PDB file of all heavy atoms in Angstrom:
ATOM      1  N   ARG A   1     -13.503   8.298 -14.516  1.00  0.00           N
ATOM      2  CA  ARG A   1     -12.910   7.918 -15.800  1.00  0.00           C
ATOM      3  C   ARG A   1     -12.039   6.684 -15.585  1.00  0.00           C
ATOM      4  O   ARG A   1     -11.296   6.618 -14.602  1.00  0.00           O
ATOM      5  CB  ARG A   1     -12.049   9.045 -16.355  1.00  0.00           C
ATOM      6  CG  ARG A   1     -12.836  10.235 -16.826  1.00  0.00           C
ATOM      7  CD  ARG A   1     -11.897  11.299 -17.413  1.00  0.00           C
ATOM      8  NE  ARG A   1     -12.640  12.373 -18.013  1.00  0.00           N
ATOM      9  CZ  ARG A   1     -13.095  13.435 -17.353  1.00  0.00           C
ATOM     10  NH1 ARG A   1     -12.862  13.553 -16.065  1.00  0.00           N
ATOM     11  NH2 ARG A   1     -13.764  14.375 -17.976  1.00  0.00           N
ATOM     12  N   LEU A   2     -12.111   5.772 -16.524  1.00  0.00           N
ATOM     13  CA  LEU A   2     -11.264   4.591 -16.523  1.00  0.00           C
ATOM     14  C   LEU A   2     -10.601   4.495 -17.890  1.00  0.00           C
ATOM     15  O   LEU A   2     -11.228   4.775 -18.905  1.00  0.00           O
ATOM     16  CB  LEU A   2     -12.077   3.319 -16.296  1.00  0.00           C
ATOM     17  CG  LEU A   2     -12.940   3.244 -15.043  1.00  0.00           C
ATOM     18  CD1 LEU A   2     -13.705   1.922 -15.025  1.00  0.00           C
ATOM     19  CD2 LEU A   2     -12.106   3.388 -13.803  1.00  0.00           C
ATOM     20  N   LEU A   3      -9.353   4.078 -17.894  1.00  0.00           N
ATOM     21  CA  LEU A   3      -8.636   3.889 -19.140  1.00  0.00           C
ATOM     22  C   LEU A   3      -7.676   2.726 -18.950  1.00  0.00           C
ATOM     23  O   LEU A   3      -6.918   2.707 -17.967  1.00  0.00           O
ATOM     24  CB  LEU A   3      -7.858   5.157 -19.521  1.00  0.00           C
ATOM     25  CG  LEU A   3      -6.965   5.052 -20.749  1.00  0.00           C
ATOM     26  CD1 LEU A   3      -7.803   4.826 -22.004  1.00  0.00           C
ATOM     27  CD2 LEU A   3      -6.116   6.300 -20.885  1.00  0.00           C
ATOM     28  N   GLN A   4      -7.718   1.785 -19.868  1.00  0.00           N
ATOM     29  CA  GLN A   4      -6.779   0.673 -19.799  1.00  0.00           C
ATOM     30  C   GLN A   4      -5.794   0.800 -20.944  1.00  0.00           C
ATOM     31  O   GLN A   4      -6.183   0.995 -22.096  1.00  0.00           O
ATOM     32  CB  GLN A   4      -7.499  -0.666 -19.902  1.00  0.00           C
ATOM     33  CG  GLN A   4      -6.533  -1.820 -19.767  1.00  0.00           C
ATOM     34  CD  GLN A   4      -7.190  -3.168 -19.947  1.00  0.00           C
ATOM     35  OE1 GLN A   4      -8.397  -3.255 -20.105  1.00  0.00           O
ATOM     36  NE2 GLN A   4      -6.393  -4.210 -19.930  1.00  0.00           N
ATOM     37  N   GLN A   5      -4.520   0.706 -20.601  1.00  0.00           N
ATOM     38  CA  GLN A   5      -3.451   0.670 -21.582  1.00  0.00           C
ATOM     39  C   GLN A   5      -2.524  -0.458 -21.194  1.00  0.00           C
ATOM     40  O   GLN A   5      -1.898  -0.417 -20.131  1.00  0.00           O
ATOM     41  CB  GLN A   5      -2.696   1.993 -21.628  1.00  0.00           C
ATOM     42  CG  GLN A   5      -3.540   3.131 -22.157  1.00  0.00           C
ATOM     43  CD  GLN A   5      -2.756   4.435 -22.243  1.00  0.00           C
ATOM     44  OE1 GLN A   5      -1.832   4.679 -21.477  1.00  0.00           O
ATOM     45  NE2 GLN A   5      -3.127   5.267 -23.197  1.00  0.00           N
ATOM     46  N   ALA A   6      -2.487  -1.478 -22.056  1.00  0.00           N
ATOM     47  CA  ALA A   6      -1.689  -2.679 -21.803  1.00  0.00           C
ATOM     48  C   ALA A   6      -2.075  -3.274 -20.445  1.00  0.00           C
ATOM     49  O   ALA A   6      -3.238  -3.574 -20.228  1.00  0.00           O
ATOM     50  CB  ALA A   6      -0.199  -2.370 -21.922  1.00  0.00           C
ATOM     51  N   ASP A   7      -1.113  -3.398 -19.525  1.00  0.00           N
ATOM     52  CA  ASP A   7      -1.407  -4.023 -18.232  1.00  0.00           C
ATOM     53  C   ASP A   7      -1.651  -3.000 -17.128  1.00  0.00           C
ATOM     54  O   ASP A   7      -1.552  -3.307 -15.950  1.00  0.00           O
ATOM     55  CB  ASP A   7      -0.283  -4.978 -17.834  1.00  0.00           C
ATOM     56  CG  ASP A   7       1.040  -4.272 -17.586  1.00  0.00           C
ATOM     57  OD1 ASP A   7       1.187  -3.107 -18.012  1.00  0.00           O
ATOM     58  OD2 ASP A   7       1.929  -4.896 -16.981  1.00  0.00           O
ATOM     59  N   ARG A   8      -1.981  -1.769 -17.499  1.00  0.00           N
ATOM     60  CA  ARG A   8      -2.265  -0.732 -16.521  1.00  0.00           C
ATOM     61  C   ARG A   8      -3.705  -0.243 -16.671  1.00  0.00           C
ATOM     62  O   ARG A   8      -4.185  -0.041 -17.782  1.00  0.00           O
ATOM     63  CB  ARG A   8      -1.357   0.487 -16.699  1.00  0.00           C
ATOM     64  CG  ARG A   8       0.121   0.219 -16.505  1.00  0.00           C
ATOM     65  CD  ARG A   8       0.437  -0.126 -15.065  1.00  0.00           C
ATOM     66  NE  ARG A   8       1.824  -0.150 -14.721  1.00  0.00           N
ATOM     67  CZ  ARG A   8       2.683  -1.105 -15.035  1.00  0.00           C
ATOM     68  NH1 ARG A   8       2.298  -2.123 -15.766  1.00  0.00           N
ATOM     69  NH2 ARG A   8       3.929  -1.059 -14.631  1.00  0.00           N
ATOM     70  N   LEU A   9      -4.353  -0.057 -15.542  1.00  0.00           N
ATOM     71  CA  LEU A   9      -5.683   0.521 -15.509  1.00  0.00           C
ATOM     72  C   LEU A   9      -5.573   1.854 -14.779  1.00  0.00           C
ATOM     73  O   LEU A   9      -5.103   1.908 -13.643  1.00  0.00           O
ATOM     74  CB  LEU A   9      -6.667  -0.396 -14.780  1.00  0.00           C
ATOM     75  CG  LEU A   9      -8.089   0.132 -14.644  1.00  0.00           C
ATOM     76  CD1 LEU A   9      -8.750   0.289 -16.009  1.00  0.00           C
ATOM     77  CD2 LEU A   9      -8.910  -0.798 -13.759  1.00  0.00           C
ATOM     78  N   TYR A  10      -5.968   2.918 -15.446  1.00  0.00           N
ATOM     79  CA  TYR A  10      -5.935   4.260 -14.879  1.00  0.00           C
ATOM     80  C   TYR A  10      -7.355   4.613 -14.439  1.00  0.00           C
ATOM     81  O   TYR A  10      -8.290   4.535 -15.233  1.00  0.00           O
ATOM     82  CB  TYR A  10      -5.422   5.267 -15.918  1.00  0.00           C
ATOM     83  CG  TYR A  10      -4.030   4.940 -16.387  1.00  0.00           C
ATOM     84  CD1 TYR A  10      -3.816   4.055 -17.438  1.00  0.00           C
ATOM     85  CD2 TYR A  10      -2.924   5.499 -15.757  1.00  0.00           C
ATOM     86  CE1 TYR A  10      -2.527   3.736 -17.858  1.00  0.00           C
ATOM     87  CE2 TYR A  10      -1.640   5.185 -16.164  1.00  0.00           C
ATOM     88  CZ  TYR A  10      -1.444   4.304 -17.219  1.00  0.00           C
ATOM     89  OH  TYR A  10      -0.168   3.987 -17.624  1.00  0.00           O
ATOM     90  N   LEU A  11      -7.506   4.953 -13.166  1.00  0.00           N
ATOM     91  CA  LEU A  11      -8.799   5.338 -12.605  1.00  0.00           C
ATOM     92  C   LEU A  11      -8.690   6.764 -12.114  1.00  0.00           C
ATOM     93  O   LEU A  11      -7.697   7.127 -11.476  1.00  0.00           O
ATOM     94  CB  LEU A  11      -9.155   4.452 -11.410  1.00  0.00           C
ATOM     95  CG  LEU A  11      -9.163   2.955 -11.635  1.00  0.00           C
ATOM     96  CD1 LEU A  11      -7.861   2.353 -11.191  1.00  0.00           C
ATOM     97  CD2 LEU A  11     -10.300   2.343 -10.876  1.00  0.00           C
ATOM     98  N   CYS A  12      -9.703   7.560 -12.380  1.00  0.00           N
ATOM     99  CA  CYS A  12      -9.693   8.946 -11.937  1.00  0.00           C
ATOM    100  C   CYS A  12     -11.089   9.322 -11.477  1.00  0.00           C
ATOM    101  O   CYS A  12     -12.060   9.116 -12.203  1.00  0.00           O
ATOM    102  CB  CYS A  12      -9.246   9.848 -13.079  1.00  0.00           C
ATOM    103  SG  CYS A  12      -9.154  11.578 -12.614  1.00  0.00           S
ATOM    104  N   VAL A  13     -11.183   9.860 -10.274  1.00  0.00           N
ATOM    105  CA  VAL A  13     -12.445  10.380  -9.752  1.00  0.00           C
ATOM    106  C   VAL A  13     -12.218  11.851  -9.433  1.00  0.00           C
ATOM    107  O   VAL A  13     -11.307  12.199  -8.698  1.00  0.00           O
ATOM    108  CB  VAL A  13     -12.917   9.608  -8.504  1.00  0.00           C
ATOM    109  CG1 VAL A  13     -14.192  10.222  -7.943  1.00  0.00           C
ATOM    110  CG2 VAL A  13     -13.132   8.127  -8.834  1.00  0.00           C
ATOM    111  N   THR A  14     -13.062  12.675 -10.034  1.00  0.00           N
ATOM    112  CA  THR A  14     -12.977  14.121  -9.833  1.00  0.00           C
ATOM    113  C   THR A  14     -14.268  14.590  -9.200  1.00  0.00           C
ATOM    114  O   THR A  14     -15.352  14.197  -9.634  1.00  0.00           O
ATOM    115  CB  THR A  14     -12.784  14.831 -11.189  1.00  0.00           C
ATOM    116  OG1 THR A  14     -11.633  14.287 -11.834  1.00  0.00           O
ATOM    117  CG2 THR A  14     -12.606  16.318 -11.010  1.00  0.00           C
ATOM    118  N   ASP A  15     -14.151  15.390  -8.165  1.00  0.00           N
ATOM    119  CA  ASP A  15     -15.368  15.991  -7.609  1.00  0.00           C
ATOM    120  C   ASP A  15     -15.364  17.466  -7.972  1.00  0.00           C
ATOM    121  O   ASP A  15     -14.336  18.057  -8.267  1.00  0.00           O
ATOM    122  CB  ASP A  15     -15.521  15.760  -6.114  1.00  0.00           C
ATOM    123  CG  ASP A  15     -14.461  16.412  -5.259  1.00  0.00           C
ATOM    124  OD1 ASP A  15     -13.831  17.382  -5.702  1.00  0.00           O
ATOM    125  OD2 ASP A  15     -14.263  15.958  -4.131  1.00  0.00           O
ATOM    126  N   SER A  16     -16.552  18.032  -8.014  1.00  0.00           N
ATOM    127  CA  SER A  16     -16.646  19.442  -8.382  1.00  0.00           C
ATOM    128  C   SER A  16     -17.841  20.076  -7.699  1.00  0.00           C
ATOM    129  O   SER A  16     -18.709  19.389  -7.170  1.00  0.00           O
ATOM    130  CB  SER A  16     -16.772  19.589  -9.900  1.00  0.00           C
ATOM    131  OG  SER A  16     -17.947  18.962 -10.350  1.00  0.00           O
ATOM    132  N   GLY A  17     -17.843  21.357  -7.753  1.00  0.00           N
ATOM    133  CA  GLY A  17     -18.924  22.097  -7.124  1.00  0.00           C
ATOM    134  C   GLY A  17     -18.553  22.539  -5.728  1.00  0.00           C
ATOM    135  O   GLY A  17     -17.495  22.222  -5.201  1.00  0.00           O
ATOM    136  N   VAL A  18     -19.435  23.267  -5.145  1.00  0.00           N
ATOM    137  CA  VAL A  18     -19.237  23.797  -3.800  1.00  0.00           C
ATOM    138  C   VAL A  18     -19.699  22.755  -2.783  1.00  0.00           C
ATOM    139  O   VAL A  18     -20.735  22.114  -2.988  1.00  0.00           O
ATOM    140  CB  VAL A  18     -20.049  25.098  -3.628  1.00  0.00           C
ATOM    141  CG1 VAL A  18     -19.895  25.655  -2.234  1.00  0.00           C
ATOM    142  CG2 VAL A  18     -19.612  26.111  -4.669  1.00  0.00           C
ATOM    143  N   PRO A  19     -18.950  22.534  -1.699  1.00  0.00           N
ATOM    144  CA  PRO A  19     -19.426  21.593  -0.681  1.00  0.00           C
ATOM    145  C   PRO A  19     -20.832  21.957  -0.224  1.00  0.00           C
ATOM    146  O   PRO A  19     -21.152  23.129  -0.051  1.00  0.00           O
ATOM    147  CB  PRO A  19     -18.419  21.762   0.459  1.00  0.00           C
ATOM    148  CG  PRO A  19     -17.195  22.295  -0.200  1.00  0.00           C
ATOM    149  CD  PRO A  19     -17.691  23.147  -1.340  1.00  0.00           C
ATOM    150  N   LEU A  20     -21.664  20.926  -0.064  1.00  0.00           N
ATOM    151  CA  LEU A  20     -23.043  21.152   0.340  1.00  0.00           C
ATOM    152  C   LEU A  20     -23.145  21.544   1.810  1.00  0.00           C
ATOM    153  O   LEU A  20     -24.015  22.298   2.196  1.00  0.00           O
ATOM    154  CB  LEU A  20     -23.875  19.901   0.063  1.00  0.00           C
ATOM    155  CG  LEU A  20     -23.895  19.464  -1.409  1.00  0.00           C
ATOM    156  CD1 LEU A  20     -24.623  18.146  -1.548  1.00  0.00           C
ATOM    157  CD2 LEU A  20     -24.517  20.542  -2.277  1.00  0.00           C
ATOM    158  N   THR A  21     -22.246  21.012   2.635  1.00  0.00           N
ATOM    159  CA  THR A  21     -22.231  21.336   4.058  1.00  0.00           C
ATOM    160  C   THR A  21     -20.790  21.359   4.538  1.00  0.00           C
ATOM    161  O   THR A  21     -19.923  20.751   3.928  1.00  0.00           O
ATOM    162  CB  THR A  21     -22.999  20.285   4.902  1.00  0.00           C
ATOM    163  OG1 THR A  21     -22.401  19.008   4.680  1.00  0.00           O
ATOM    164  CG2 THR A  21     -24.469  20.237   4.535  1.00  0.00           C
ATOM    165  N   ALA A  22     -20.559  22.034   5.630  1.00  0.00           N
ATOM    166  CA  ALA A  22     -19.226  22.024   6.238  1.00  0.00           C
ATOM    167  C   ALA A  22     -19.034  20.696   6.955  1.00  0.00           C
ATOM    168  O   ALA A  22     -19.978  20.131   7.496  1.00  0.00           O
ATOM    169  CB  ALA A  22     -19.096  23.184   7.215  1.00  0.00           C
ATOM    170  N   HIS A  23     -17.815  20.188   6.954  1.00  0.00           N
ATOM    171  CA  HIS A  23     -17.519  18.915   7.613  1.00  0.00           C
ATOM    172  C   HIS A  23     -16.440  19.117   8.655  1.00  0.00           C
ATOM    173  O   HIS A  23     -15.514  19.882   8.459  1.00  0.00           O
ATOM    174  CB  HIS A  23     -17.031  17.888   6.589  1.00  0.00           C
ATOM    175  CG  HIS A  23     -18.079  17.530   5.604  1.00  0.00           C
ATOM    176  ND1 HIS A  23     -19.078  16.642   5.866  1.00  0.00           N
ATOM    177  CD2 HIS A  23     -18.296  17.958   4.343  1.00  0.00           C
ATOM    178  CE1 HIS A  23     -19.855  16.529   4.818  1.00  0.00           C
ATOM    179  NE2 HIS A  23     -19.406  17.326   3.871  1.00  0.00           N
ATOM    180  N   ARG A  24     -16.575  18.362   9.737  1.00  0.00           N
ATOM    181  CA  ARG A  24     -15.534  18.423  10.751  1.00  0.00           C
ATOM    182  C   ARG A  24     -15.584  17.125  11.548  1.00  0.00           C
ATOM    183  O   ARG A  24     -16.649  16.598  11.840  1.00  0.00           O
ATOM    184  CB  ARG A  24     -15.759  19.680  11.549  1.00  0.00           C
ATOM    185  CG  ARG A  24     -15.872  19.620  12.968  1.00  0.00           C
ATOM    186  CD  ARG A  24     -16.269  20.927  13.552  1.00  0.00           C
ATOM    187  NE  ARG A  24     -17.540  20.664  14.209  1.00  0.00           N
ATOM    188  CZ  ARG A  24     -18.127  21.464  15.021  1.00  0.00           C
ATOM    189  NH1 ARG A  24     -17.631  22.640  15.253  1.00  0.00           N
ATOM    190  NH2 ARG A  24     -19.227  21.127  15.598  1.00  0.00           N
ATOM    191  N   LEU A  25     -14.412  16.603  11.859  1.00  0.00           N
ATOM    192  CA  LEU A  25     -14.342  15.381  12.661  1.00  0.00           C
ATOM    193  C   LEU A  25     -14.615  15.720  14.116  1.00  0.00           C
ATOM    194  O   LEU A  25     -14.071  16.689  14.638  1.00  0.00           O
ATOM    195  CB  LEU A  25     -12.968  14.727  12.536  1.00  0.00           C
ATOM    196  CG  LEU A  25     -12.654  14.093  11.195  1.00  0.00           C
ATOM    197  CD1 LEU A  25     -11.218  13.595  11.187  1.00  0.00           C
ATOM    198  CD2 LEU A  25     -13.606  12.968  10.888  1.00  0.00           C
ATOM    199  N   VAL A  26     -15.432  14.910  14.759  1.00  0.00           N
ATOM    200  CA  VAL A  26     -15.747  15.171  16.162  1.00  0.00           C
ATOM    201  C   VAL A  26     -15.273  14.040  17.070  1.00  0.00           C
ATOM    202  O   VAL A  26     -15.460  14.101  18.263  1.00  0.00           O
ATOM    203  CB  VAL A  26     -17.264  15.401  16.355  1.00  0.00           C
ATOM    204  CG1 VAL A  26     -17.687  16.687  15.674  1.00  0.00           C
ATOM    205  CG2 VAL A  26     -18.073  14.228  15.840  1.00  0.00           C
ATOM    206  N   ILE A  27     -14.682  13.006  16.480  1.00  0.00           N
ATOM    207  CA  ILE A  27     -14.130  11.912  17.282  1.00  0.00           C
ATOM    208  C   ILE A  27     -12.667  11.721  16.898  1.00  0.00           C
ATOM    209  O   ILE A  27     -12.262  12.088  15.803  1.00  0.00           O
ATOM    210  CB  ILE A  27     -14.923  10.586  17.072  1.00  0.00           C
ATOM    211  CG1 ILE A  27     -14.940  10.193  15.597  1.00  0.00           C
ATOM    212  CG2 ILE A  27     -16.325  10.706  17.609  1.00  0.00           C
ATOM    213  CD1 ILE A  27     -15.577   8.852  15.325  1.00  0.00           C
ATOM    214  N   PRO A  28     -11.866  11.165  17.783  1.00  0.00           N
ATOM    215  CA  PRO A  28     -10.450  10.963  17.475  1.00  0.00           C
ATOM    216  C   PRO A  28     -10.276  10.108  16.220  1.00  0.00           C
ATOM    217  O   PRO A  28     -11.022   9.146  16.000  1.00  0.00           O
ATOM    218  CB  PRO A  28      -9.900  10.240  18.701  1.00  0.00           C
ATOM    219  CG  PRO A  28     -10.876  10.529  19.788  1.00  0.00           C
ATOM    220  CD  PRO A  28     -12.203  10.716  19.129  1.00  0.00           C
ATOM    221  N   GLN A  29      -9.309  10.453  15.402  1.00  0.00           N
ATOM    222  CA  GLN A  29      -9.075   9.762  14.133  1.00  0.00           C
ATOM    223  C   GLN A  29      -8.890   8.256  14.312  1.00  0.00           C
ATOM    224  O   GLN A  29      -9.391   7.468  13.531  1.00  0.00           O
ATOM    225  CB  GLN A  29      -7.849  10.368  13.439  1.00  0.00           C
ATOM    226  CG  GLN A  29      -7.599   9.828  12.059  1.00  0.00           C
ATOM    227  CD  GLN A  29      -8.669  10.229  11.060  1.00  0.00           C
ATOM    228  OE1 GLN A  29      -9.378  11.210  11.246  1.00  0.00           O
ATOM    229  NE2 GLN A  29      -8.790   9.466  10.002  1.00  0.00           N
TER     230      GLN A  29
END
């Protein structure tokens, strides 16, 4: 979703649903 009001732009990204796979980091951050 995007919304502009005056000199501000509001951006919103929403994810939903069940994760398709488990995730895990395997290398140092």
